[in-house]
Amino acid sequence: MAETKNISLPVYDLKGEKVSTVSLSKAVFGVEENRQVIHDAVLVYQANLRQDTAKTKKRSEVSGGGKKPWSQKGTGRARAGSSRSPIWVGGGTVFGPTGVQNHTLKQNRKEHKLALKGCYSSMAKDGLIVIDNWAVEGIKTKELNQALIALKATDKTLIVLGGEEDNDNLILSARNIPNVIVTRADNVSVYDLLYFDHLVVSKKTIKEIEEALK
């Protein structure tokens, strides 16, 4: 038997009723997970979130220490030239962060696409919910919440909008629903696809994702 090139998933309306089906490209939603590139993508994502603003004061930046604490000889104590010394409490730090450290990591585009494809493919097996369109009129959090319940997206849910789906009402309606985030298709990370339990997208956005990952 010839291997099918596409994957078929049901398409629902906001009442949770099946209205049609959509064909997903196997080249994007039927890819075997490559755990290494997915792991690398998560490391890159988390490393690039770091602000790198931590800083400690060096010996030259600590206040005080101008006067020699005690005489060089005759006290019976070890020699001390300044209270700024790193061995003193309140002294400078020798190898602390400087405030200009950089933890940025990079992953090449081909590997990043492979990681996204693997995660989208995993979602397609269990977690991807395709809807016909986002027909949200007005800012109605209760109605959107009821729609997500009807779609059985009651856990951590990521709503993904396409580039041409300017739906401010949807974004504002989802703002106060716990564990629900709205983002753009070009802003979805590998970390997002691993973190959320459900991915809710429209048919139009599915095709946009496929075009971006070809």
C-alpha atoms as a PDB file:
ATOM      1  CA  MET A   1       0.000   0.000   0.000  1.00  0.00           C
ATOM      2  CA  ALA A   2       1.298   3.461  -0.921  1.00  0.00           C
ATOM      3  CA  GLU A   3       2.165   5.725   1.978  1.00  0.00           C
ATOM      4  CA  THR A   4      -0.194   8.656   2.430  1.00  0.00           C
ATOM      5  CA  LYS A   5       1.376  12.054   1.933  1.00  0.00           C
ATOM      6  CA  ASN A   6      -0.995  13.968   4.189  1.00  0.00           C
ATOM      7  CA  ILE A   7      -2.699  13.669   7.546  1.00  0.00           C
ATOM      8  CA  SER A   8      -6.411  14.331   7.936  1.00  0.00           C
ATOM      9  CA  LEU A   9      -7.850  16.030  11.022  1.00  0.00           C
ATOM     10  CA  PRO A  10     -11.408  17.145  11.836  1.00  0.00           C
ATOM     11  CA  VAL A  11     -12.294  20.837  11.780  1.00  0.00           C
ATOM     12  CA  TYR A  12     -14.625  22.178  14.473  1.00  0.00           C
ATOM     13  CA  ASP A  13     -16.673  25.306  14.970  1.00  0.00           C
ATOM     14  CA  LEU A  14     -16.652  27.234  18.243  1.00  0.00           C
ATOM     15  CA  LYS A  15     -19.518  25.073  19.503  1.00  0.00           C
ATOM     16  CA  GLY A  16     -17.306  22.008  19.353  1.00  0.00           C
ATOM     17  CA  GLU A  17     -19.162  20.471  16.412  1.00  0.00           C
ATOM     18  CA  LYS A  18     -17.319  18.923  13.483  1.00  0.00           C
ATOM     19  CA  VAL A  19     -17.925  20.905  10.284  1.00  0.00           C
ATOM     20  CA  SER A  20     -15.296  19.509   7.893  1.00  0.00           C
ATOM     21  CA  THR A  21     -11.800  18.035   7.682  1.00  0.00           C
ATOM     22  CA  VAL A  22      -8.402  19.499   6.882  1.00  0.00           C
ATOM     23  CA  SER A  23      -5.424  17.853   5.216  1.00  0.00           C
ATOM     24  CA  LEU A  24      -2.104  18.437   6.994  1.00  0.00           C
ATOM     25  CA  SER A  25       1.222  18.142   5.204  1.00  0.00           C
ATOM     26  CA  LYS A  26       3.120  15.093   6.393  1.00  0.00           C
ATOM     27  CA  ALA A  27       6.363  16.998   5.755  1.00  0.00           C
ATOM     28  CA  VAL A  28       5.444  19.321   8.656  1.00  0.00           C
ATOM     29  CA  PHE A  29       2.961  17.432  10.855  1.00  0.00           C
ATOM     30  CA  GLY A  30       4.204  13.888  10.262  1.00  0.00           C
ATOM     31  CA  VAL A  31       7.884  14.199  11.134  1.00  0.00           C
ATOM     32  CA  GLU A  32       9.613  11.939  13.642  1.00  0.00           C
ATOM     33  CA  GLU A  33      10.905  13.811  16.684  1.00  0.00           C
ATOM     34  CA  ASN A  34      14.617  14.514  16.823  1.00  0.00           C
ATOM     35  CA  ARG A  35      15.173  14.820  20.551  1.00  0.00           C
ATOM     36  CA  GLN A  36      18.622  16.380  20.214  1.00  0.00           C
ATOM     37  CA  VAL A  37      17.564  19.347  18.077  1.00  0.00           C
ATOM     38  CA  ILE A  38      14.481  19.838  20.280  1.00  0.00           C
ATOM     39  CA  HIS A  39      16.689  19.840  23.364  1.00  0.00           C
ATOM     40  CA  ASP A  40      19.059  22.323  21.719  1.00  0.00           C
ATOM     41  CA  ALA A  41      16.133  24.582  20.728  1.00  0.00           C
ATOM     42  CA  VAL A  42      14.886  24.704  24.325  1.00  0.00           C
ATOM     43  CA  LEU A  43      18.390  25.528  25.600  1.00  0.00           C
ATOM     44  CA  VAL A  44      18.676  28.361  23.077  1.00  0.00           C
ATOM     45  CA  TYR A  45      15.232  29.699  24.020  1.00  0.00           C
ATOM     46  CA  GLN A  46      15.926  29.692  27.755  1.00  0.00           C
ATOM     47  CA  ALA A  47      19.454  31.079  27.413  1.00  0.00           C
ATOM     48  CA  ASN A  48      18.258  33.964  25.262  1.00  0.00           C
ATOM     49  CA  LEU A  49      15.652  34.907  27.871  1.00  0.00           C
ATOM     50  CA  ARG A  50      18.400  35.700  30.377  1.00  0.00           C
ATOM     51  CA  GLN A  51      18.836  39.427  30.955  1.00  0.00           C
ATOM     52  CA  ASP A  52      22.475  39.136  32.042  1.00  0.00           C
ATOM     53  CA  THR A  53      22.184  42.134  34.365  1.00  0.00           C
ATOM     54  CA  ALA A  54      23.712  40.464  37.457  1.00  0.00           C
ATOM     55  CA  LYS A  55      26.755  42.326  38.762  1.00  0.00           C
ATOM     56  CA  THR A  56      28.983  42.280  41.824  1.00  0.00           C
ATOM     57  CA  LYS A  57      31.452  44.943  42.950  1.00  0.00           C
ATOM     58  CA  LYS A  58      35.131  44.423  42.412  1.00  0.00           C
ATOM     59  CA  ARG A  59      37.803  45.515  44.870  1.00  0.00           C
ATOM     60  CA  SER A  60      38.122  48.907  43.175  1.00  0.00           C
ATOM     61  CA  GLU A  61      34.354  49.528  43.389  1.00  0.00           C
ATOM     62  CA  VAL A  62      33.796  48.802  47.088  1.00  0.00           C
ATOM     63  CA  SER A  63      33.513  51.892  49.272  1.00  0.00           C
ATOM     64  CA  GLY A  64      35.996  52.561  52.083  1.00  0.00           C
ATOM     65  CA  GLY A  65      39.352  50.898  52.520  1.00  0.00           C
ATOM     66  CA  GLY A  66      41.431  54.034  52.210  1.00  0.00           C
ATOM     67  CA  LYS A  67      43.090  53.672  55.579  1.00  0.00           C
ATOM     68  CA  LYS A  68      45.281  50.761  56.571  1.00  0.00           C
ATOM     69  CA  PRO A  69      43.235  48.808  59.179  1.00  0.00           C
ATOM     70  CA  TRP A  70      46.152  48.423  61.632  1.00  0.00           C
ATOM     71  CA  SER A  71      49.899  48.709  61.800  1.00  0.00           C
ATOM     72  CA  GLN A  72      52.018  46.455  59.644  1.00  0.00           C
ATOM     73  CA  LYS A  73      53.863  45.051  62.666  1.00  0.00           C
ATOM     74  CA  GLY A  74      53.421  44.663  66.391  1.00  0.00           C
ATOM     75  CA  THR A  75      49.761  43.663  66.650  1.00  0.00           C
ATOM     76  CA  GLY A  76      50.221  39.913  66.312  1.00  0.00           C
ATOM     77  CA  ARG A  77      47.682  39.818  63.530  1.00  0.00           C
ATOM     78  CA  ALA A  78      48.209  39.097  59.850  1.00  0.00           C
ATOM     79  CA  ARG A  79      49.117  42.022  57.629  1.00  0.00           C
ATOM     80  CA  ALA A  80      46.146  43.916  56.162  1.00  0.00           C
ATOM     81  CA  GLY A  81      46.379  46.770  53.718  1.00  0.00           C
ATOM     82  CA  SER A  82      42.708  47.491  52.966  1.00  0.00           C
ATOM     83  CA  SER A  83      39.237  46.471  54.072  1.00  0.00           C
ATOM     84  CA  ARG A  84      38.382  46.181  50.361  1.00  0.00           C
ATOM     85  CA  SER A  85      40.326  42.918  50.187  1.00  0.00           C
ATOM     86  CA  PRO A  86      38.255  39.974  48.861  1.00  0.00           C
ATOM     87  CA  ILE A  87      39.081  37.949  51.982  1.00  0.00           C
ATOM     88  CA  TRP A  88      37.317  40.495  54.190  1.00  0.00           C
ATOM     89  CA  VAL A  89      33.590  40.520  54.875  1.00  0.00           C
ATOM     90  CA  GLY A  90      32.217  43.388  52.789  1.00  0.00           C
ATOM     91  CA  GLY A  91      35.241  43.372  50.520  1.00  0.00           C
ATOM     92  CA  GLY A  92      35.270  43.146  46.752  1.00  0.00           C
ATOM     93  CA  THR A  93      34.334  40.042  44.775  1.00  0.00           C
ATOM     94  CA  VAL A  94      37.038  38.460  42.640  1.00  0.00           C
ATOM     95  CA  PHE A  95      35.263  36.412  39.947  1.00  0.00           C
ATOM     96  CA  GLY A  96      31.680  37.643  40.206  1.00  0.00           C
ATOM     97  CA  PRO A  97      29.456  38.648  37.252  1.00  0.00           C
ATOM     98  CA  THR A  98      30.432  41.951  35.643  1.00  0.00           C
ATOM     99  CA  GLY A  99      27.082  42.997  34.143  1.00  0.00           C
ATOM    100  CA  VAL A 100      28.320  42.599  30.567  1.00  0.00           C
ATOM    101  CA  GLN A 101      28.326  38.777  30.389  1.00  0.00           C
ATOM    102  CA  ASN A 102      26.531  37.236  27.430  1.00  0.00           C
ATOM    103  CA  HIS A 103      24.783  33.859  27.552  1.00  0.00           C
ATOM    104  CA  THR A 104      23.232  34.109  24.072  1.00  0.00           C
ATOM    105  CA  LEU A 105      23.117  30.842  22.130  1.00  0.00           C
ATOM    106  CA  LYS A 106      22.258  30.182  18.487  1.00  0.00           C
ATOM    107  CA  GLN A 107      20.776  27.325  16.507  1.00  0.00           C
ATOM    108  CA  ASN A 108      20.942  27.164  12.744  1.00  0.00           C
ATOM    109  CA  ARG A 109      17.702  27.633  10.831  1.00  0.00           C
ATOM    110  CA  LYS A 110      17.542  24.109   9.441  1.00  0.00           C
ATOM    111  CA  GLU A 111      17.792  22.522  12.894  1.00  0.00           C
ATOM    112  CA  HIS A 112      15.277  24.955  14.354  1.00  0.00           C
ATOM    113  CA  LYS A 113      12.747  24.106  11.650  1.00  0.00           C
ATOM    114  CA  LEU A 114      13.306  20.399  12.293  1.00  0.00           C
ATOM    115  CA  ALA A 115      12.674  20.926  16.011  1.00  0.00           C
ATOM    116  CA  LEU A 116       9.437  22.822  15.277  1.00  0.00           C
ATOM    117  CA  LYS A 117       8.281  20.147  12.844  1.00  0.00           C
ATOM    118  CA  GLY A 118       8.903  17.426  15.424  1.00  0.00           C
ATOM    119  CA  CYS A 119       6.878  19.282  18.056  1.00  0.00           C
ATOM    120  CA  TYR A 120       4.046  20.124  15.646  1.00  0.00           C
ATOM    121  CA  SER A 121       3.952  16.454  14.626  1.00  0.00           C
ATOM    122  CA  SER A 122       3.657  15.413  18.266  1.00  0.00           C
ATOM    123  CA  MET A 123       0.824  17.927  18.724  1.00  0.00           C
ATOM    124  CA  ALA A 124      -0.944  16.569  15.622  1.00  0.00           C
ATOM    125  CA  LYS A 125      -1.120  13.148  17.291  1.00  0.00           C
ATOM    126  CA  ASP A 126      -2.667  14.482  20.489  1.00  0.00           C
ATOM    127  CA  GLY A 127      -3.304  18.138  21.250  1.00  0.00           C
ATOM    128  CA  LEU A 128      -3.847  19.939  17.932  1.00  0.00           C
ATOM    129  CA  ILE A 129      -7.357  21.352  17.546  1.00  0.00           C
ATOM    130  CA  VAL A 130      -8.304  22.902  14.206  1.00  0.00           C
ATOM    131  CA  ILE A 131     -11.251  25.280  14.009  1.00  0.00           C
ATOM    132  CA  ASP A 132     -13.042  26.729  11.012  1.00  0.00           C
ATOM    133  CA  ASN A 133     -12.479  30.386  11.999  1.00  0.00           C
ATOM    134  CA  TRP A 134     -12.403  32.739  14.965  1.00  0.00           C
ATOM    135  CA  ALA A 135     -15.865  34.296  14.792  1.00  0.00           C
ATOM    136  CA  VAL A 136     -15.541  36.287  18.012  1.00  0.00           C
ATOM    137  CA  GLU A 137     -17.716  39.385  18.152  1.00  0.00           C
ATOM    138  CA  GLY A 138     -16.952  41.764  20.983  1.00  0.00           C
ATOM    139  CA  ILE A 139     -14.883  41.133  24.092  1.00  0.00           C
ATOM    140  CA  LYS A 140     -16.630  38.138  25.657  1.00  0.00           C
ATOM    141  CA  THR A 141     -14.427  36.112  27.964  1.00  0.00           C
ATOM    142  CA  LYS A 142     -17.273  33.855  29.098  1.00  0.00           C
ATOM    143  CA  GLU A 143     -18.187  32.856  25.537  1.00  0.00           C
ATOM    144  CA  LEU A 144     -14.581  32.139  24.596  1.00  0.00           C
ATOM    145  CA  ASN A 145     -14.157  30.050  27.734  1.00  0.00           C
ATOM    146  CA  GLN A 146     -17.292  28.072  26.848  1.00  0.00           C
ATOM    147  CA  ALA A 147     -15.947  27.563  23.313  1.00  0.00           C
ATOM    148  CA  LEU A 148     -12.655  26.173  24.655  1.00  0.00           C
ATOM    149  CA  ILE A 149     -14.578  23.825  26.950  1.00  0.00           C
ATOM    150  CA  ALA A 150     -16.632  22.645  23.965  1.00  0.00           C
ATOM    151  CA  LEU A 151     -13.391  22.031  22.061  1.00  0.00           C
ATOM    152  CA  LYS A 152     -12.057  20.106  25.100  1.00  0.00           C
ATOM    153  CA  ALA A 153      -9.159  22.540  25.448  1.00  0.00           C
ATOM    154  CA  THR A 154      -9.454  22.863  29.203  1.00  0.00           C
ATOM    155  CA  ASP A 155      -5.774  22.469  30.158  1.00  0.00           C
ATOM    156  CA  LYS A 156      -2.848  24.689  29.189  1.00  0.00           C
ATOM    157  CA  THR A 157      -3.907  26.037  25.798  1.00  0.00           C
ATOM    158  CA  LEU A 158      -2.036  28.037  23.165  1.00  0.00           C
ATOM    159  CA  ILE A 159      -4.206  29.875  20.629  1.00  0.00           C
ATOM    160  CA  VAL A 160      -2.228  30.615  17.485  1.00  0.00           C
ATOM    161  CA  LEU A 161      -3.280  33.354  15.082  1.00  0.00           C
ATOM    162  CA  GLY A 162      -2.073  33.797  11.527  1.00  0.00           C
ATOM    163  CA  GLY A 163      -0.402  36.925  10.260  1.00  0.00           C
ATOM    164  CA  GLU A 164      -3.630  38.241   8.737  1.00  0.00           C
ATOM    165  CA  GLU A 165      -5.878  37.312  11.663  1.00  0.00           C
ATOM    166  CA  ASP A 166      -6.140  40.652  13.458  1.00  0.00           C
ATOM    167  CA  ASN A 167      -8.557  39.703  16.194  1.00  0.00           C
ATOM    168  CA  ASP A 168      -8.183  42.095  19.114  1.00  0.00           C
ATOM    169  CA  ASN A 169     -11.479  40.874  20.547  1.00  0.00           C
ATOM    170  CA  LEU A 170     -10.108  37.352  20.821  1.00  0.00           C
ATOM    171  CA  ILE A 171      -6.879  38.544  22.434  1.00  0.00           C
ATOM    172  CA  LEU A 172      -8.754  40.625  25.012  1.00  0.00           C
ATOM    173  CA  SER A 173     -11.318  37.866  25.640  1.00  0.00           C
ATOM    174  CA  ALA A 174      -8.557  35.341  26.423  1.00  0.00           C
ATOM    175  CA  ARG A 175      -6.678  37.690  28.724  1.00  0.00           C
ATOM    176  CA  ASN A 176      -8.424  36.606  31.930  1.00  0.00           C
ATOM    177  CA  ILE A 177      -8.764  32.891  31.193  1.00  0.00           C
ATOM    178  CA  PRO A 178      -6.235  30.895  33.262  1.00  0.00           C
ATOM    179  CA  ASN A 179      -3.661  28.858  31.314  1.00  0.00           C
ATOM    180  CA  VAL A 180      -4.702  30.339  27.947  1.00  0.00           C
ATOM    181  CA  ILE A 181      -2.240  32.357  25.850  1.00  0.00           C
ATOM    182  CA  VAL A 182      -2.734  33.926  22.407  1.00  0.00           C
ATOM    183  CA  THR A 183       0.252  34.303  20.098  1.00  0.00           C
ATOM    184  CA  ARG A 184       1.178  34.629  16.427  1.00  0.00           C
ATOM    185  CA  ALA A 185       2.207  31.731  14.192  1.00  0.00           C
ATOM    186  CA  ASP A 186       5.604  33.317  13.538  1.00  0.00           C
ATOM    187  CA  ASN A 187       6.193  33.673  17.289  1.00  0.00           C
ATOM    188  CA  VAL A 188       5.587  30.069  18.357  1.00  0.00           C
ATOM    189  CA  SER A 189       8.649  28.506  19.962  1.00  0.00           C
ATOM    190  CA  VAL A 190       9.637  24.891  20.516  1.00  0.00           C
ATOM    191  CA  TYR A 191       9.318  25.574  24.246  1.00  0.00           C
ATOM    192  CA  ASP A 192       5.687  26.667  23.735  1.00  0.00           C
ATOM    193  CA  LEU A 193       4.813  23.491  21.846  1.00  0.00           C
ATOM    194  CA  LEU A 194       6.313  21.381  24.640  1.00  0.00           C
ATOM    195  CA  TYR A 195       4.730  23.381  27.458  1.00  0.00           C
ATOM    196  CA  PHE A 196       1.111  23.638  26.311  1.00  0.00           C
ATOM    197  CA  ASP A 197      -1.287  20.693  26.271  1.00  0.00           C
ATOM    198  CA  HIS A 198      -3.468  22.005  23.450  1.00  0.00           C
ATOM    199  CA  LEU A 199      -2.795  24.028  20.314  1.00  0.00           C
ATOM    200  CA  VAL A 200      -5.861  25.716  18.799  1.00  0.00           C
ATOM    201  CA  VAL A 201      -5.487  27.071  15.260  1.00  0.00           C
ATOM    202  CA  SER A 202      -7.706  27.928  12.322  1.00  0.00           C
ATOM    203  CA  LYS A 203      -7.548  26.181   8.925  1.00  0.00           C
ATOM    204  CA  LYS A 204      -6.007  29.308   7.438  1.00  0.00           C
ATOM    205  CA  THR A 205      -3.243  29.409  10.043  1.00  0.00           C
ATOM    206  CA  ILE A 206      -2.428  25.732   9.460  1.00  0.00           C
ATOM    207  CA  LYS A 207      -1.559  26.516   5.862  1.00  0.00           C
ATOM    208  CA  GLU A 208       0.545  29.489   6.980  1.00  0.00           C
ATOM    209  CA  ILE A 209       2.541  27.255   9.332  1.00  0.00           C
ATOM    210  CA  GLU A 210       3.111  24.733   6.564  1.00  0.00           C
ATOM    211  CA  GLU A 211       4.355  27.446   4.196  1.00  0.00           C
ATOM    212  CA  ALA A 212       6.778  28.779   6.810  1.00  0.00           C
ATOM    213  CA  LEU A 213       8.276  25.349   7.550  1.00  0.00           C
ATOM    214  CA  LYS A 214       8.662  24.043   4.006  1.00  0.00           C
END
